[in-house]
Amino acid sequence: MENYLSIIIPVYNEEETVIEILGQVLSVQLCGGLQKEILIVNDCSNDSTEAVITGFIQRNPEVKIKYFKHEINKGKGAALHTGINAASGTFTIIQDADLEYDPMEYNDLLRP
């Protein structure tokens, strides 16, 4: 059984940044042989976020991505709960889609 880092990405109206953050997440090489499990939780975005995400998933079928969509906006906390409940990784991290956190720091968090 492989070890996974579950990366939960809550999104709400992130059409401008979600592709960039997904690209950054994919480019990170994790330490310790960890693989990535990406869980995207769309909290009822009302822009083109969903189309951008589904297009990304279709273009990257080799990537382990789980996509969830709230039918009504429930807030970031609920989006995180959805992702955490679906995560199957050995470790879990939260990655905001607005580029606030740098995916290149994942290994710094995992080493300890």
PDB file of N, CA and C in Angstrom:
ATOM      1  N   MET A   1       0.838  -1.193   0.000  1.00  0.00           N
ATOM      2  CA  MET A   1       0.000   0.000   0.000  1.00  0.00           C
ATOM      3  C   MET A   1       0.881   1.254   0.000  1.00  0.00           C
ATOM      4  N   GLU A   2       0.574   2.161  -0.887  1.00  0.00           N
ATOM      5  CA  GLU A   2       1.351   3.386  -0.988  1.00  0.00           C
ATOM      6  C   GLU A   2       0.925   4.382   0.081  1.00  0.00           C
ATOM      7  N   ASN A   3       1.883   5.186   0.488  1.00  0.00           N
ATOM      8  CA  ASN A   3       1.582   6.274   1.406  1.00  0.00           C
ATOM      9  C   ASN A   3       1.215   7.508   0.598  1.00  0.00           C
ATOM     10  N   TYR A   4       0.158   8.186   1.027  1.00  0.00           N
ATOM     11  CA  TYR A   4      -0.313   9.376   0.331  1.00  0.00           C
ATOM     12  C   TYR A   4      -0.303  10.593   1.242  1.00  0.00           C
ATOM     13  N   LEU A   5      -0.056  11.732   0.625  1.00  0.00           N
ATOM     14  CA  LEU A   5      -0.316  13.024   1.244  1.00  0.00           C
ATOM     15  C   LEU A   5      -1.630  13.495   0.649  1.00  0.00           C
ATOM     16  N   SER A   6      -2.645  13.614   1.471  1.00  0.00           N
ATOM     17  CA  SER A   6      -3.930  14.146   1.020  1.00  0.00           C
ATOM     18  C   SER A   6      -3.846  15.661   1.051  1.00  0.00           C
ATOM     19  N   ILE A   7      -4.045  16.286  -0.101  1.00  0.00           N
ATOM     20  CA  ILE A   7      -3.962  17.737  -0.230  1.00  0.00           C
ATOM     21  C   ILE A   7      -5.372  18.246  -0.488  1.00  0.00           C
ATOM     22  N   ILE A   8      -5.948  18.881   0.519  1.00  0.00           N
ATOM     23  CA  ILE A   8      -7.319  19.371   0.421  1.00  0.00           C
ATOM     24  C   ILE A   8      -7.282  20.815  -0.065  1.00  0.00           C
ATOM     25  N   ILE A   9      -7.989  21.073  -1.160  1.00  0.00           N
ATOM     26  CA  ILE A   9      -8.025  22.410  -1.741  1.00  0.00           C
ATOM     27  C   ILE A   9      -9.472  22.894  -1.769  1.00  0.00           C
ATOM     28  N   PRO A  10      -9.870  23.706  -0.786  1.00  0.00           N
ATOM     29  CA  PRO A  10     -11.214  24.290  -0.831  1.00  0.00           C
ATOM     30  C   PRO A  10     -11.208  25.442  -1.838  1.00  0.00           C
ATOM     31  N   VAL A  11     -12.231  25.512  -2.671  1.00  0.00           N
ATOM     32  CA  VAL A  11     -12.288  26.582  -3.663  1.00  0.00           C
ATOM     33  C   VAL A  11     -13.648  27.264  -3.644  1.00  0.00           C
ATOM     34  N   TYR A  12     -13.608  28.560  -3.833  1.00  0.00           N
ATOM     35  CA  TYR A  12     -14.823  29.357  -4.002  1.00  0.00           C
ATOM     36  C   TYR A  12     -14.469  30.532  -4.901  1.00  0.00           C
ATOM     37  N   ASN A  13     -15.006  30.516  -6.097  1.00  0.00           N
ATOM     38  CA  ASN A  13     -14.748  31.575  -7.079  1.00  0.00           C
ATOM     39  C   ASN A  13     -13.249  31.806  -7.273  1.00  0.00           C
ATOM     40  N   GLU A  14     -12.551  30.735  -7.619  1.00  0.00           N
ATOM     41  CA  GLU A  14     -11.092  30.788  -7.780  1.00  0.00           C
ATOM     42  C   GLU A  14     -10.671  30.563  -9.235  1.00  0.00           C
ATOM     43  N   GLU A  15     -11.511  30.967 -10.192  1.00  0.00           N
ATOM     44  CA  GLU A  15     -11.202  30.724 -11.601  1.00  0.00           C
ATOM     45  C   GLU A  15      -9.861  31.318 -12.028  1.00  0.00           C
ATOM     46  N   GLU A  16      -9.433  32.378 -11.389  1.00  0.00           N
ATOM     47  CA  GLU A  16      -8.195  33.060 -11.771  1.00  0.00           C
ATOM     48  C   GLU A  16      -6.933  32.357 -11.261  1.00  0.00           C
ATOM     49  N   THR A  17      -7.027  31.598 -10.179  1.00  0.00           N
ATOM     50  CA  THR A  17      -5.820  31.051  -9.551  1.00  0.00           C
ATOM     51  C   THR A  17      -5.782  29.533  -9.432  1.00  0.00           C
ATOM     52  N   VAL A  18      -6.904  28.858  -9.609  1.00  0.00           N
ATOM     53  CA  VAL A  18      -6.942  27.426  -9.308  1.00  0.00           C
ATOM     54  C   VAL A  18      -6.018  26.621 -10.227  1.00  0.00           C
ATOM     55  N   ILE A  19      -5.903  26.966 -11.493  1.00  0.00           N
ATOM     56  CA  ILE A  19      -5.007  26.225 -12.386  1.00  0.00           C
ATOM     57  C   ILE A  19      -3.554  26.414 -11.960  1.00  0.00           C
ATOM     58  N   GLU A  20      -3.196  27.620 -11.593  1.00  0.00           N
ATOM     59  CA  GLU A  20      -1.820  27.870 -11.166  1.00  0.00           C
ATOM     60  C   GLU A  20      -1.477  27.059  -9.927  1.00  0.00           C
ATOM     61  N   ILE A  21      -2.373  27.033  -8.946  1.00  0.00           N
ATOM     62  CA  ILE A  21      -2.061  26.288  -7.724  1.00  0.00           C
ATOM     63  C   ILE A  21      -2.033  24.792  -7.991  1.00  0.00           C
ATOM     64  N   LEU A  22      -2.920  24.301  -8.843  1.00  0.00           N
ATOM     65  CA  LEU A  22      -2.891  22.878  -9.169  1.00  0.00           C
ATOM     66  C   LEU A  22      -1.584  22.512  -9.870  1.00  0.00           C
ATOM     67  N   GLY A  23      -1.109  23.358 -10.753  1.00  0.00           N
ATOM     68  CA  GLY A  23       0.175  23.120 -11.401  1.00  0.00           C
ATOM     69  C   GLY A  23       1.320  23.092 -10.403  1.00  0.00           C
ATOM     70  N   GLN A  24       1.290  24.012  -9.446  1.00  0.00           N
ATOM     71  CA  GLN A  24       2.330  24.040  -8.411  1.00  0.00           C
ATOM     72  C   GLN A  24       2.278  22.786  -7.552  1.00  0.00           C
ATOM     73  N   VAL A  25       1.073  22.361  -7.190  1.00  0.00           N
ATOM     74  CA  VAL A  25       0.918  21.149  -6.380  1.00  0.00           C
ATOM     75  C   VAL A  25       1.465  19.939  -7.137  1.00  0.00           C
ATOM     76  N   LEU A  26       1.170  19.846  -8.419  1.00  0.00           N
ATOM     77  CA  LEU A  26       1.664  18.712  -9.207  1.00  0.00           C
ATOM     78  C   LEU A  26       3.184  18.714  -9.329  1.00  0.00           C
ATOM     79  N   SER A  27       3.794  19.877  -9.350  1.00  0.00           N
ATOM     80  CA  SER A  27       5.240  19.952  -9.564  1.00  0.00           C
ATOM     81  C   SER A  27       6.063  19.583  -8.332  1.00  0.00           C
ATOM     82  N   VAL A  28       5.451  19.541  -7.168  1.00  0.00           N
ATOM     83  CA  VAL A  28       6.186  19.213  -5.938  1.00  0.00           C
ATOM     84  C   VAL A  28       6.534  17.729  -5.918  1.00  0.00           C
ATOM     85  N   GLN A  29       7.812  17.438  -5.690  1.00  0.00           N
ATOM     86  CA  GLN A  29       8.264  16.068  -5.482  1.00  0.00           C
ATOM     87  C   GLN A  29       8.335  15.841  -3.976  1.00  0.00           C
ATOM     88  N   LEU A  30       7.508  14.955  -3.475  1.00  0.00           N
ATOM     89  CA  LEU A  30       7.419  14.738  -2.036  1.00  0.00           C
ATOM     90  C   LEU A  30       8.515  13.806  -1.533  1.00  0.00           C
ATOM     91  N   CYS A  31       8.958  14.068  -0.308  1.00  0.00           N
ATOM     92  CA  CYS A  31       9.966  13.239   0.332  1.00  0.00           C
ATOM     93  C   CYS A  31       9.352  11.937   0.838  1.00  0.00           C
ATOM     94  N   GLY A  32      10.209  10.980   1.127  1.00  0.00           N
ATOM     95  CA  GLY A  32       9.777   9.743   1.757  1.00  0.00           C
ATOM     96  C   GLY A  32       8.914   8.849   0.902  1.00  0.00           C
ATOM     97  N   GLY A  33       8.932   9.033  -0.404  1.00  0.00           N
ATOM     98  CA  GLY A  33       8.142   8.179  -1.292  1.00  0.00           C
ATOM     99  C   GLY A  33       6.657   8.435  -1.260  1.00  0.00           C
ATOM    100  N   LEU A  34       6.249   9.542  -0.658  1.00  0.00           N
ATOM    101  CA  LEU A  34       4.820   9.865  -0.611  1.00  0.00           C
ATOM    102  C   LEU A  34       4.284  10.196  -1.996  1.00  0.00           C
ATOM    103  N   GLN A  35       3.088   9.752  -2.244  1.00  0.00           N
ATOM    104  CA  GLN A  35       2.352  10.113  -3.450  1.00  0.00           C
ATOM    105  C   GLN A  35       1.317  11.163  -3.056  1.00  0.00           C
ATOM    106  N   LYS A  36       0.722  11.813  -4.051  1.00  0.00           N
ATOM    107  CA  LYS A  36      -0.268  12.862  -3.777  1.00  0.00           C
ATOM    108  C   LYS A  36      -1.671  12.380  -4.087  1.00  0.00           C
ATOM    109  N   GLU A  37      -2.572  12.753  -3.213  1.00  0.00           N
ATOM    110  CA  GLU A  37      -4.007  12.598  -3.423  1.00  0.00           C
ATOM    111  C   GLU A  37      -4.575  14.003  -3.294  1.00  0.00           C
ATOM    112  N   ILE A  38      -5.132  14.520  -4.375  1.00  0.00           N
ATOM    113  CA  ILE A  38      -5.660  15.882  -4.366  1.00  0.00           C
ATOM    114  C   ILE A  38      -7.171  15.823  -4.233  1.00  0.00           C
ATOM    115  N   LEU A  39      -7.686  16.528  -3.231  1.00  0.00           N
ATOM    116  CA  LEU A  39      -9.127  16.590  -3.000  1.00  0.00           C
ATOM    117  C   LEU A  39      -9.559  18.044  -3.172  1.00  0.00           C
ATOM    118  N   ILE A  40     -10.305  18.308  -4.220  1.00  0.00           N
ATOM    119  CA  ILE A  40     -10.779  19.654  -4.507  1.00  0.00           C
ATOM    120  C   ILE A  40     -12.231  19.734  -4.069  1.00  0.00           C
ATOM    121  N   VAL A  41     -12.545  20.718  -3.243  1.00  0.00           N
ATOM    122  CA  VAL A  41     -13.917  20.895  -2.773  1.00  0.00           C
ATOM    123  C   VAL A  41     -14.402  22.268  -3.233  1.00  0.00           C
ATOM    124  N   ASN A  42     -15.295  22.264  -4.197  1.00  0.00           N
ATOM    125  CA  ASN A  42     -15.878  23.489  -4.740  1.00  0.00           C
ATOM    126  C   ASN A  42     -17.092  23.848  -3.891  1.00  0.00           C
ATOM    127  N   ASP A  43     -17.004  24.961  -3.191  1.00  0.00           N
ATOM    128  CA  ASP A  43     -18.072  25.369  -2.278  1.00  0.00           C
ATOM    129  C   ASP A  43     -19.092  26.266  -2.998  1.00  0.00           C
ATOM    130  N   CYS A  44     -19.670  25.705  -4.058  1.00  0.00           N
ATOM    131  CA  CYS A  44     -20.750  26.364  -4.813  1.00  0.00           C
ATOM    132  C   CYS A  44     -20.282  27.668  -5.473  1.00  0.00           C
ATOM    133  N   SER A  45     -19.149  27.599  -6.152  1.00  0.00           N
ATOM    134  CA  SER A  45     -18.651  28.780  -6.880  1.00  0.00           C
ATOM    135  C   SER A  45     -19.684  29.213  -7.910  1.00  0.00           C
ATOM    136  N   ASN A  46     -19.764  30.520  -8.137  1.00  0.00           N
ATOM    137  CA  ASN A  46     -20.708  31.021  -9.139  1.00  0.00           C
ATOM    138  C   ASN A  46     -19.993  31.689 -10.305  1.00  0.00           C
ATOM    139  N   ASP A  47     -18.706  31.354 -10.480  1.00  0.00           N
ATOM    140  CA  ASP A  47     -17.965  31.793 -11.653  1.00  0.00           C
ATOM    141  C   ASP A  47     -17.614  30.531 -12.460  1.00  0.00           C
ATOM    142  N   SER A  48     -16.564  30.554 -13.241  1.00  0.00           N
ATOM    143  CA  SER A  48     -16.228  29.390 -14.066  1.00  0.00           C
ATOM    144  C   SER A  48     -15.234  28.440 -13.388  1.00  0.00           C
ATOM    145  N   THR A  49     -15.138  28.507 -12.082  1.00  0.00           N
ATOM    146  CA  THR A  49     -14.220  27.633 -11.345  1.00  0.00           C
ATOM    147  C   THR A  49     -14.448  26.166 -11.675  1.00  0.00           C
ATOM    148  N   GLU A  50     -15.697  25.728 -11.678  1.00  0.00           N
ATOM    149  CA  GLU A  50     -15.976  24.312 -11.929  1.00  0.00           C
ATOM    150  C   GLU A  50     -15.492  23.886 -13.311  1.00  0.00           C
ATOM    151  N   ALA A  51     -15.748  24.680 -14.321  1.00  0.00           N
ATOM    152  CA  ALA A  51     -15.312  24.338 -15.678  1.00  0.00           C
ATOM    153  C   ALA A  51     -13.788  24.271 -15.759  1.00  0.00           C
ATOM    154  N   VAL A  52     -13.119  25.194 -15.078  1.00  0.00           N
ATOM    155  CA  VAL A  52     -11.658  25.201 -15.070  1.00  0.00           C
ATOM    156  C   VAL A  52     -11.135  23.927 -14.408  1.00  0.00           C
ATOM    157  N   ILE A  53     -11.725  23.547 -13.295  1.00  0.00           N
ATOM    158  CA  ILE A  53     -11.284  22.354 -12.569  1.00  0.00           C
ATOM    159  C   ILE A  53     -11.565  21.087 -13.363  1.00  0.00           C
ATOM    160  N   THR A  54     -12.759  20.956 -13.890  1.00  0.00           N
ATOM    161  CA  THR A  54     -13.085  19.732 -14.626  1.00  0.00           C
ATOM    162  C   THR A  54     -12.220  19.608 -15.884  1.00  0.00           C
ATOM    163  N   GLY A  55     -11.901  20.734 -16.510  1.00  0.00           N
ATOM    164  CA  GLY A  55     -10.986  20.702 -17.643  1.00  0.00           C
ATOM    165  C   GLY A  55      -9.607  20.218 -17.229  1.00  0.00           C
ATOM    166  N   PHE A  56      -9.133  20.688 -16.094  1.00  0.00           N
ATOM    167  CA  PHE A  56      -7.832  20.268 -15.563  1.00  0.00           C
ATOM    168  C   PHE A  56      -7.837  18.765 -15.289  1.00  0.00           C
ATOM    169  N   ILE A  57      -8.895  18.280 -14.680  1.00  0.00           N
ATOM    170  CA  ILE A  57      -8.993  16.844 -14.371  1.00  0.00           C
ATOM    171  C   ILE A  57      -8.981  16.026 -15.656  1.00  0.00           C
ATOM    172  N   GLN A  58      -9.706  16.454 -16.665  1.00  0.00           N
ATOM    173  CA  GLN A  58      -9.744  15.735 -17.945  1.00  0.00           C
ATOM    174  C   GLN A  58      -8.378  15.726 -18.628  1.00  0.00           C
ATOM    175  N   ARG A  59      -7.622  16.803 -18.501  1.00  0.00           N
ATOM    176  CA  ARG A  59      -6.299  16.882 -19.128  1.00  0.00           C
ATOM    177  C   ARG A  59      -5.223  16.135 -18.347  1.00  0.00           C
ATOM    178  N   ASN A  60      -5.528  15.730 -17.118  1.00  0.00           N
ATOM    179  CA  ASN A  60      -4.549  15.058 -16.251  1.00  0.00           C
ATOM    180  C   ASN A  60      -5.128  13.779 -15.649  1.00  0.00           C
ATOM    181  N   PRO A  61      -5.518  12.834 -16.496  1.00  0.00           N
ATOM    182  CA  PRO A  61      -6.172  11.623 -15.970  1.00  0.00           C
ATOM    183  C   PRO A  61      -5.267  10.751 -15.103  1.00  0.00           C
ATOM    184  N   GLU A  62      -3.952  10.941 -15.200  1.00  0.00           N
ATOM    185  CA  GLU A  62      -3.018  10.133 -14.414  1.00  0.00           C
ATOM    186  C   GLU A  62      -2.877  10.615 -12.978  1.00  0.00           C
ATOM    187  N   VAL A  63      -3.418  11.791 -12.688  1.00  0.00           N
ATOM    188  CA  VAL A  63      -3.307  12.373 -11.354  1.00  0.00           C
ATOM    189  C   VAL A  63      -4.486  11.918 -10.494  1.00  0.00           C
ATOM    190  N   LYS A  64      -4.189  11.527  -9.260  1.00  0.00           N
ATOM    191  CA  LYS A  64      -5.243  11.090  -8.339  1.00  0.00           C
ATOM    192  C   LYS A  64      -5.949  12.324  -7.780  1.00  0.00           C
ATOM    193  N   ILE A  65      -7.103  12.646  -8.377  1.00  0.00           N
ATOM    194  CA  ILE A  65      -7.877  13.815  -7.962  1.00  0.00           C
ATOM    195  C   ILE A  65      -9.291  13.370  -7.625  1.00  0.00           C
ATOM    196  N   LYS A  66      -9.752  13.803  -6.463  1.00  0.00           N
ATOM    197  CA  LYS A  66     -11.152  13.609  -6.079  1.00  0.00           C
ATOM    198  C   LYS A  66     -11.803  14.989  -6.097  1.00  0.00           C
ATOM    199  N   TYR A  67     -12.933  15.094  -6.775  1.00  0.00           N
ATOM    200  CA  TYR A  67     -13.609  16.390  -6.894  1.00  0.00           C
ATOM    201  C   TYR A  67     -14.969  16.314  -6.217  1.00  0.00           C
ATOM    202  N   PHE A  68     -15.242  17.297  -5.375  1.00  0.00           N
ATOM    203  CA  PHE A  68     -16.509  17.397  -4.659  1.00  0.00           C
ATOM    204  C   PHE A  68     -17.089  18.780  -4.901  1.00  0.00           C
ATOM    205  N   LYS A  69     -18.414  18.847  -4.935  1.00  0.00           N
ATOM    206  CA  LYS A  69     -19.079  20.135  -5.146  1.00  0.00           C
ATOM    207  C   LYS A  69     -20.234  20.272  -4.172  1.00  0.00           C
ATOM    208  N   HIS A  70     -20.229  21.360  -3.430  1.00  0.00           N
ATOM    209  CA  HIS A  70     -21.375  21.677  -2.581  1.00  0.00           C
ATOM    210  C   HIS A  70     -22.427  22.361  -3.453  1.00  0.00           C
ATOM    211  N   GLU A  71     -23.658  21.957  -3.303  1.00  0.00           N
ATOM    212  CA  GLU A  71     -24.747  22.539  -4.091  1.00  0.00           C
ATOM    213  C   GLU A  71     -25.181  23.899  -3.560  1.00  0.00           C
ATOM    214  N   ILE A  72     -24.868  24.152  -2.296  1.00  0.00           N
ATOM    215  CA  ILE A  72     -25.076  25.485  -1.716  1.00  0.00           C
ATOM    216  C   ILE A  72     -23.787  25.877  -1.014  1.00  0.00           C
ATOM    217  N   ASN A  73     -23.536  27.166  -0.914  1.00  0.00           N
ATOM    218  CA  ASN A  73     -22.335  27.646  -0.265  1.00  0.00           C
ATOM    219  C   ASN A  73     -22.452  27.404   1.237  1.00  0.00           C
ATOM    220  N   LYS A  74     -21.510  26.629   1.772  1.00  0.00           N
ATOM    221  CA  LYS A  74     -21.526  26.275   3.185  1.00  0.00           C
ATOM    222  C   LYS A  74     -20.373  26.890   3.960  1.00  0.00           C
ATOM    223  N   GLY A  75     -19.431  27.506   3.250  1.00  0.00           N
ATOM    224  CA  GLY A  75     -18.280  28.116   3.901  1.00  0.00           C
ATOM    225  C   GLY A  75     -17.057  27.223   3.870  1.00  0.00           C
ATOM    226  N   LYS A  76     -15.908  27.843   4.135  1.00  0.00           N
ATOM    227  CA  LYS A  76     -14.634  27.130   4.067  1.00  0.00           C
ATOM    228  C   LYS A  76     -14.562  25.971   5.056  1.00  0.00           C
ATOM    229  N   GLY A  77     -15.084  26.178   6.261  1.00  0.00           N
ATOM    230  CA  GLY A  77     -15.045  25.105   7.257  1.00  0.00           C
ATOM    231  C   GLY A  77     -15.743  23.848   6.779  1.00  0.00           C
ATOM    232  N   ALA A  78     -16.903  24.006   6.158  1.00  0.00           N
ATOM    233  CA  ALA A  78     -17.638  22.851   5.638  1.00  0.00           C
ATOM    234  C   ALA A  78     -16.883  22.207   4.484  1.00  0.00           C
ATOM    235  N   ALA A  79     -16.258  23.033   3.646  1.00  0.00           N
ATOM    236  CA  ALA A  79     -15.461  22.491   2.543  1.00  0.00           C
ATOM    237  C   ALA A  79     -14.299  21.661   3.093  1.00  0.00           C
ATOM    238  N   LEU A  80     -13.667  22.153   4.145  1.00  0.00           N
ATOM    239  CA  LEU A  80     -12.577  21.395   4.759  1.00  0.00           C
ATOM    240  C   LEU A  80     -13.078  20.079   5.332  1.00  0.00           C
ATOM    241  N   HIS A  81     -14.231  20.094   5.991  1.00  0.00           N
ATOM    242  CA  HIS A  81     -14.805  18.857   6.532  1.00  0.00           C
ATOM    243  C   HIS A  81     -15.076  17.846   5.427  1.00  0.00           C
ATOM    244  N   THR A  82     -15.614  18.313   4.305  1.00  0.00           N
ATOM    245  CA  THR A  82     -15.859  17.414   3.173  1.00  0.00           C
ATOM    246  C   THR A  82     -14.553  16.762   2.730  1.00  0.00           C
ATOM    247  N   GLY A  83     -13.506  17.562   2.581  1.00  0.00           N
ATOM    248  CA  GLY A  83     -12.224  17.025   2.152  1.00  0.00           C
ATOM    249  C   GLY A  83     -11.592  16.099   3.169  1.00  0.00           C
ATOM    250  N   ILE A  84     -11.630  16.483   4.422  1.00  0.00           N
ATOM    251  CA  ILE A  84     -11.040  15.653   5.478  1.00  0.00           C
ATOM    252  C   ILE A  84     -11.751  14.308   5.567  1.00  0.00           C
ATOM    253  N   ASN A  85     -13.063  14.321   5.468  1.00  0.00           N
ATOM    254  CA  ASN A  85     -13.828  13.069   5.548  1.00  0.00           C
ATOM    255  C   ASN A  85     -13.523  12.125   4.388  1.00  0.00           C
ATOM    256  N   ALA A  86     -13.129  12.671   3.252  1.00  0.00           N
ATOM    257  CA  ALA A  86     -12.851  11.848   2.070  1.00  0.00           C
ATOM    258  C   ALA A  86     -11.372  11.505   1.926  1.00  0.00           C
ATOM    259  N   ALA A  87     -10.515  12.113   2.728  1.00  0.00           N
ATOM    260  CA  ALA A  87      -9.072  11.901   2.608  1.00  0.00           C
ATOM    261  C   ALA A  87      -8.687  10.494   3.047  1.00  0.00           C
ATOM    262  N   SER A  88      -7.767   9.905   2.296  1.00  0.00           N
ATOM    263  CA  SER A  88      -7.298   8.567   2.650  1.00  0.00           C
ATOM    264  C   SER A  88      -5.787   8.531   2.851  1.00  0.00           C
ATOM    265  N   GLY A  89      -5.162   9.682   2.878  1.00  0.00           N
ATOM    266  CA  GLY A  89      -3.714   9.746   3.006  1.00  0.00           C
ATOM    267  C   GLY A  89      -3.210   9.498   4.407  1.00  0.00           C
ATOM    268  N   THR A  90      -1.929   9.183   4.474  1.00  0.00           N
ATOM    269  CA  THR A  90      -1.243   9.031   5.744  1.00  0.00           C
ATOM    270  C   THR A  90      -1.151  10.378   6.451  1.00  0.00           C
ATOM    271  N   PHE A  91      -0.978  11.420   5.658  1.00  0.00           N
ATOM    272  CA  PHE A  91      -0.911  12.797   6.140  1.00  0.00           C
ATOM    273  C   PHE A  91      -1.899  13.641   5.344  1.00  0.00           C
ATOM    274  N   THR A  92      -2.336  14.740   5.937  1.00  0.00           N
ATOM    275  CA  THR A  92      -3.288  15.635   5.275  1.00  0.00           C
ATOM    276  C   THR A  92      -2.797  17.064   5.430  1.00  0.00           C
ATOM    277  N   ILE A  93      -2.943  17.825   4.350  1.00  0.00           N
ATOM    278  CA  ILE A  93      -2.564  19.230   4.369  1.00  0.00           C
ATOM    279  C   ILE A  93      -3.658  20.026   3.660  1.00  0.00           C
ATOM    280  N   ILE A  94      -3.799  21.272   4.053  1.00  0.00           N
ATOM    281  CA  ILE A  94      -4.781  22.156   3.421  1.00  0.00           C
ATOM    282  C   ILE A  94      -4.023  23.153   2.551  1.00  0.00           C
ATOM    283  N   GLN A  95      -4.459  23.258   1.312  1.00  0.00           N
ATOM    284  CA  GLN A  95      -3.840  24.183   0.361  1.00  0.00           C
ATOM    285  C   GLN A  95      -4.909  25.132  -0.163  1.00  0.00           C
ATOM    286  N   ASP A  96      -4.829  26.390   0.224  1.00  0.00           N
ATOM    287  CA  ASP A  96      -5.780  27.363  -0.312  1.00  0.00           C
ATOM    288  C   ASP A  96      -5.517  27.577  -1.793  1.00  0.00           C
ATOM    289  N   ALA A  97      -6.569  27.806  -2.549  1.00  0.00           N
ATOM    290  CA  ALA A  97      -6.457  27.987  -3.990  1.00  0.00           C
ATOM    291  C   ALA A  97      -6.045  29.398  -4.368  1.00  0.00           C
ATOM    292  N   ASP A  98      -5.970  30.299  -3.409  1.00  0.00           N
ATOM    293  CA  ASP A  98      -5.657  31.693  -3.718  1.00  0.00           C
ATOM    294  C   ASP A  98      -4.157  32.000  -3.659  1.00  0.00           C
ATOM    295  N   LEU A  99      -3.330  30.972  -3.661  1.00  0.00           N
ATOM    296  CA  LEU A  99      -1.868  31.107  -3.696  1.00  0.00           C
ATOM    297  C   LEU A  99      -1.271  31.643  -2.406  1.00  0.00           C
ATOM    298  N   GLU A 100      -2.024  31.595  -1.312  1.00  0.00           N
ATOM    299  CA  GLU A 100      -1.513  32.092  -0.035  1.00  0.00           C
ATOM    300  C   GLU A 100      -0.388  31.209   0.502  1.00  0.00           C
ATOM    301  N   TYR A 101      -0.509  29.894   0.316  1.00  0.00           N
ATOM    302  CA  TYR A 101       0.490  28.960   0.814  1.00  0.00           C
ATOM    303  C   TYR A 101       1.318  28.430  -0.349  1.00  0.00           C
ATOM    304  N   ASP A 102       2.590  28.156  -0.109  1.00  0.00           N
ATOM    305  CA  ASP A 102       3.500  27.691  -1.138  1.00  0.00           C
ATOM    306  C   ASP A 102       3.633  26.171  -1.072  1.00  0.00           C
ATOM    307  N   PRO A 103       3.203  25.457  -2.112  1.00  0.00           N
ATOM    308  CA  PRO A 103       3.334  23.998  -2.116  1.00  0.00           C
ATOM    309  C   PRO A 103       4.774  23.504  -1.984  1.00  0.00           C
ATOM    310  N   MET A 104       5.736  24.334  -2.322  1.00  0.00           N
ATOM    311  CA  MET A 104       7.136  23.930  -2.194  1.00  0.00           C
ATOM    312  C   MET A 104       7.544  23.749  -0.731  1.00  0.00           C
ATOM    313  N   GLU A 105       6.694  24.157   0.209  1.00  0.00           N
ATOM    314  CA  GLU A 105       6.990  23.992   1.626  1.00  0.00           C
ATOM    315  C   GLU A 105       6.420  22.690   2.203  1.00  0.00           C
ATOM    316  N   TYR A 106       5.750  21.882   1.389  1.00  0.00           N
ATOM    317  CA  TYR A 106       5.174  20.613   1.900  1.00  0.00           C
ATOM    318  C   TYR A 106       6.227  19.758   2.573  1.00  0.00           C
ATOM    319  N   ASN A 107       7.373  19.586   1.933  1.00  0.00           N
ATOM    320  CA  ASN A 107       8.413  18.719   2.506  1.00  0.00           C
ATOM    321  C   ASN A 107       8.941  19.257   3.824  1.00  0.00           C
ATOM    322  N   ASP A 108       8.983  20.581   3.973  1.00  0.00           N
ATOM    323  CA  ASP A 108       9.388  21.160   5.259  1.00  0.00           C
ATOM    324  C   ASP A 108       8.407  20.759   6.363  1.00  0.00           C
ATOM    325  N   LEU A 109       7.154  20.663   6.028  1.00  0.00           N
ATOM    326  CA  LEU A 109       6.145  20.265   7.007  1.00  0.00           C
ATOM    327  C   LEU A 109       6.173  18.761   7.272  1.00  0.00           C
ATOM    328  N   LEU A 110       6.532  17.979   6.274  1.00  0.00           N
ATOM    329  CA  LEU A 110       6.515  16.521   6.409  1.00  0.00           C
ATOM    330  C   LEU A 110       7.743  15.950   7.113  1.00  0.00           C
ATOM    331  N   ARG A 111       8.859  16.612   7.016  1.00  0.00           N
ATOM    332  CA  ARG A 111      10.104  16.062   7.577  1.00  0.00           C
ATOM    333  C   ARG A 111      10.020  15.731   9.070  1.00  0.00           C
ATOM    334  N   PRO A 112       9.483  16.625   9.915  1.00  0.00           N
ATOM    335  CA  PRO A 112       9.430  16.283  11.345  1.00  0.00           C
ATOM    336  C   PRO A 112       8.546  15.080  11.589  1.00  0.00           C
TER     337      PRO A 112
END
